[in-house]
N, C-alpha and C. Protein backbone atom coordinates (compact mmCIF):
# COMPACT_ATOMS: atom_id res chain seq x y z
N ARG A 1 -3.25 0.04 -15.91
CA ARG A 1 -3.54 -1.20 -16.56
C ARG A 1 -4.90 -1.70 -16.06
N PHE A 2 -5.72 -2.16 -16.98
CA PHE A 2 -6.99 -2.76 -16.61
C PHE A 2 -6.78 -4.18 -16.12
N LEU A 3 -7.53 -4.56 -15.09
CA LEU A 3 -7.54 -5.94 -14.67
C LEU A 3 -8.39 -6.73 -15.66
N PRO A 4 -8.21 -8.05 -15.73
CA PRO A 4 -8.91 -8.84 -16.74
C PRO A 4 -10.44 -8.70 -16.70
N ASP A 5 -11.02 -8.40 -15.55
CA ASP A 5 -12.48 -8.26 -15.49
C ASP A 5 -12.97 -6.98 -16.15
N GLY A 6 -12.04 -6.06 -16.47
CA GLY A 6 -12.40 -4.80 -17.12
C GLY A 6 -13.11 -3.82 -16.21
N LYS A 7 -13.25 -4.16 -14.94
CA LYS A 7 -13.98 -3.31 -13.99
C LYS A 7 -13.08 -2.58 -13.02
N ARG A 8 -11.78 -2.91 -13.03
CA ARG A 8 -10.84 -2.27 -12.13
C ARG A 8 -9.60 -1.86 -12.89
N LEU A 9 -8.96 -0.82 -12.40
CA LEU A 9 -7.82 -0.23 -13.08
C LEU A 9 -6.72 0.07 -12.07
N VAL A 10 -5.51 -0.40 -12.35
CA VAL A 10 -4.35 -0.07 -11.53
C VAL A 10 -3.64 1.10 -12.21
N TYR A 11 -3.31 2.12 -11.44
CA TYR A 11 -2.68 3.29 -12.03
C TYR A 11 -1.72 3.95 -11.04
N LEU A 12 -0.86 4.79 -11.59
CA LEU A 12 0.01 5.65 -10.78
C LEU A 12 -0.71 6.98 -10.63
N SER A 13 -0.85 7.45 -9.40
CA SER A 13 -1.56 8.72 -9.21
C SER A 13 -0.83 9.87 -9.89
N TYR A 14 0.47 9.86 -9.82
CA TYR A 14 1.32 10.71 -10.64
C TYR A 14 2.71 10.09 -10.62
N LEU A 15 3.45 10.24 -11.68
CA LEU A 15 4.69 9.51 -11.88
C LEU A 15 5.72 9.75 -10.79
N GLN A 16 5.81 10.96 -10.27
CA GLN A 16 6.82 11.22 -9.26
C GLN A 16 6.54 10.49 -7.95
N ALA A 17 5.28 10.23 -7.65
CA ALA A 17 4.94 9.53 -6.40
C ALA A 17 5.31 8.07 -6.48
N GLN A 18 5.12 7.47 -7.63
CA GLN A 18 5.40 6.05 -7.84
C GLN A 18 4.65 5.16 -6.87
N ASP A 19 3.51 5.60 -6.42
CA ASP A 19 2.64 4.76 -5.61
C ASP A 19 1.42 4.39 -6.44
N PHE A 20 1.03 3.13 -6.36
CA PHE A 20 -0.06 2.61 -7.17
C PHE A 20 -1.38 2.68 -6.42
N SER A 21 -2.45 2.87 -7.19
CA SER A 21 -3.81 2.84 -6.64
C SER A 21 -4.66 1.93 -7.50
N LEU A 22 -5.77 1.48 -6.93
CA LEU A 22 -6.71 0.62 -7.64
C LEU A 22 -8.05 1.34 -7.69
N LEU A 23 -8.56 1.55 -8.90
CA LEU A 23 -9.85 2.21 -9.10
C LEU A 23 -10.88 1.16 -9.47
N ASP A 24 -11.97 1.08 -8.70
CA ASP A 24 -13.09 0.21 -9.02
C ASP A 24 -14.06 1.04 -9.84
N LEU A 25 -14.25 0.68 -11.10
CA LEU A 25 -15.07 1.49 -12.00
C LEU A 25 -16.56 1.37 -11.69
N ASP A 26 -17.01 0.26 -11.09
CA ASP A 26 -18.42 0.11 -10.72
C ASP A 26 -18.80 1.03 -9.57
N THR A 27 -17.96 1.04 -8.52
CA THR A 27 -18.28 1.83 -7.33
C THR A 27 -17.64 3.22 -7.36
N ARG A 28 -16.72 3.41 -8.29
CA ARG A 28 -15.97 4.67 -8.41
C ARG A 28 -15.19 5.00 -7.14
N THR A 29 -14.67 3.96 -6.53
CA THR A 29 -13.84 4.14 -5.33
C THR A 29 -12.40 3.79 -5.67
N THR A 30 -11.50 4.46 -4.99
CA THR A 30 -10.07 4.24 -5.18
C THR A 30 -9.46 3.84 -3.85
N ARG A 31 -8.52 2.91 -3.91
CA ARG A 31 -7.77 2.57 -2.70
C ARG A 31 -6.29 2.45 -3.07
N PRO A 32 -5.42 2.89 -2.17
CA PRO A 32 -3.98 2.76 -2.44
C PRO A 32 -3.55 1.30 -2.37
N ILE A 33 -2.61 0.94 -3.23
CA ILE A 33 -2.05 -0.41 -3.22
C ILE A 33 -0.67 -0.39 -2.57
N THR A 34 0.12 0.64 -2.84
CA THR A 34 1.48 0.70 -2.31
C THR A 34 1.72 2.01 -1.58
N ARG A 35 2.68 1.94 -0.67
CA ARG A 35 3.25 3.12 -0.02
C ARG A 35 4.75 2.85 0.05
N LEU A 36 5.42 3.09 -1.05
CA LEU A 36 6.84 2.75 -1.15
C LEU A 36 7.69 3.80 -0.46
N GLU A 37 8.62 3.35 0.34
CA GLU A 37 9.50 4.28 1.04
C GLU A 37 10.72 4.62 0.21
N ASN A 38 11.46 3.63 -0.21
CA ASN A 38 12.64 3.85 -1.04
C ASN A 38 12.22 3.62 -2.48
N ARG A 39 11.79 4.66 -3.14
CA ARG A 39 11.10 4.51 -4.41
C ARG A 39 11.99 4.09 -5.57
N GLY A 40 13.19 4.57 -5.65
CA GLY A 40 14.01 4.27 -6.82
C GLY A 40 13.36 4.85 -8.07
N ARG A 41 13.65 4.27 -9.21
CA ARG A 41 13.07 4.75 -10.46
C ARG A 41 12.22 3.63 -11.07
N LEU A 42 10.95 3.88 -11.21
CA LEU A 42 10.04 2.91 -11.79
C LEU A 42 10.28 2.82 -13.30
N ARG A 43 10.42 1.60 -13.80
CA ARG A 43 10.66 1.45 -15.23
C ARG A 43 9.50 0.79 -15.95
N TRP A 44 8.73 -0.06 -15.26
CA TRP A 44 7.71 -0.85 -15.94
C TRP A 44 6.76 -1.43 -14.91
N PHE A 45 5.47 -1.60 -15.28
CA PHE A 45 4.55 -2.33 -14.42
C PHE A 45 3.45 -2.98 -15.25
N ASP A 46 2.84 -4.01 -14.68
CA ASP A 46 1.75 -4.70 -15.35
C ASP A 46 0.95 -5.47 -14.30
N VAL A 47 -0.18 -6.00 -14.73
CA VAL A 47 -1.02 -6.85 -13.90
C VAL A 47 -0.94 -8.25 -14.49
N THR A 48 -0.84 -9.27 -13.62
CA THR A 48 -0.76 -10.64 -14.12
C THR A 48 -2.05 -11.00 -14.85
N PRO A 49 -1.99 -11.94 -15.79
CA PRO A 49 -3.18 -12.30 -16.59
C PRO A 49 -4.39 -12.74 -15.77
N ASP A 50 -4.16 -13.29 -14.58
CA ASP A 50 -5.28 -13.70 -13.74
C ASP A 50 -5.82 -12.55 -12.88
N GLY A 51 -5.17 -11.39 -12.92
CA GLY A 51 -5.63 -10.21 -12.19
C GLY A 51 -5.33 -10.25 -10.70
N GLN A 52 -4.54 -11.20 -10.25
CA GLN A 52 -4.28 -11.35 -8.83
C GLN A 52 -3.11 -10.50 -8.32
N PHE A 53 -2.18 -10.18 -9.21
CA PHE A 53 -0.95 -9.52 -8.76
C PHE A 53 -0.58 -8.34 -9.64
N LEU A 54 0.06 -7.37 -9.01
CA LEU A 54 0.71 -6.26 -9.68
C LEU A 54 2.19 -6.58 -9.67
N VAL A 55 2.84 -6.45 -10.80
CA VAL A 55 4.28 -6.71 -10.87
C VAL A 55 4.94 -5.48 -11.49
N PHE A 56 6.06 -5.08 -10.91
CA PHE A 56 6.77 -3.92 -11.45
C PHE A 56 8.25 -4.04 -11.12
N ASP A 57 9.03 -3.28 -11.83
CA ASP A 57 10.45 -3.24 -11.49
C ASP A 57 10.83 -1.79 -11.22
N ARG A 58 11.83 -1.64 -10.41
CA ARG A 58 12.34 -0.31 -10.12
C ARG A 58 13.84 -0.39 -9.97
N LEU A 59 14.47 0.68 -10.31
CA LEU A 59 15.91 0.74 -10.31
C LEU A 59 16.36 1.54 -9.09
N ARG A 60 17.16 0.90 -8.27
CA ARG A 60 17.77 1.55 -7.12
C ARG A 60 19.25 1.23 -7.22
N THR A 61 19.89 0.92 -6.12
CA THR A 61 21.29 0.49 -6.18
C THR A 61 21.39 -0.77 -7.02
N ASN A 62 20.46 -1.68 -6.82
CA ASN A 62 20.31 -2.89 -7.63
C ASN A 62 18.89 -2.88 -8.17
N ALA A 63 18.64 -3.59 -9.25
CA ALA A 63 17.30 -3.66 -9.80
C ALA A 63 16.43 -4.57 -8.94
N ASN A 64 15.17 -4.22 -8.76
CA ASN A 64 14.22 -5.02 -8.02
C ASN A 64 13.03 -5.34 -8.90
N VAL A 65 12.54 -6.55 -8.83
CA VAL A 65 11.26 -6.91 -9.41
C VAL A 65 10.34 -7.19 -8.24
N VAL A 66 9.19 -6.53 -8.20
CA VAL A 66 8.30 -6.60 -7.05
C VAL A 66 6.97 -7.18 -7.49
N LEU A 67 6.40 -8.07 -6.67
CA LEU A 67 5.11 -8.69 -6.92
C LEU A 67 4.22 -8.39 -5.73
N ILE A 68 3.06 -7.79 -5.97
CA ILE A 68 2.15 -7.41 -4.89
C ILE A 68 0.79 -8.04 -5.17
N GLU A 69 0.23 -8.73 -4.16
CA GLU A 69 -1.08 -9.33 -4.30
C GLU A 69 -2.14 -8.24 -4.24
N LEU A 70 -2.99 -8.15 -5.25
CA LEU A 70 -3.96 -7.06 -5.34
C LEU A 70 -5.13 -7.21 -4.37
N SER A 71 -5.42 -8.41 -3.91
CA SER A 71 -6.54 -8.59 -3.00
C SER A 71 -6.23 -8.15 -1.58
N LYS A 72 -4.96 -7.91 -1.28
CA LYS A 72 -4.56 -7.46 0.06
C LYS A 72 -4.73 -5.96 0.18
N ARG A 73 -5.13 -5.50 1.34
CA ARG A 73 -5.24 -4.07 1.61
C ARG A 73 -3.98 -3.62 2.34
N PRO A 74 -3.51 -2.38 2.05
CA PRO A 74 -2.31 -1.88 2.75
C PRO A 74 -2.58 -1.62 4.22
């Protein structure tokens, strides 16, 4: 998903990993956003309209909705 500025992109490196990364298109640098231990099954993700947060849900024993601030480094 593109962030509202159109200069950064949140993506899954590959679906089985279910870890998100952030690509800065100006600098062409990538940084990891998540390192999930109990991954469950990812069903959906998006970036909030203000570009501040990544939100996603995953299915484990119970469903989880997760909100991660994008300005924070892991």
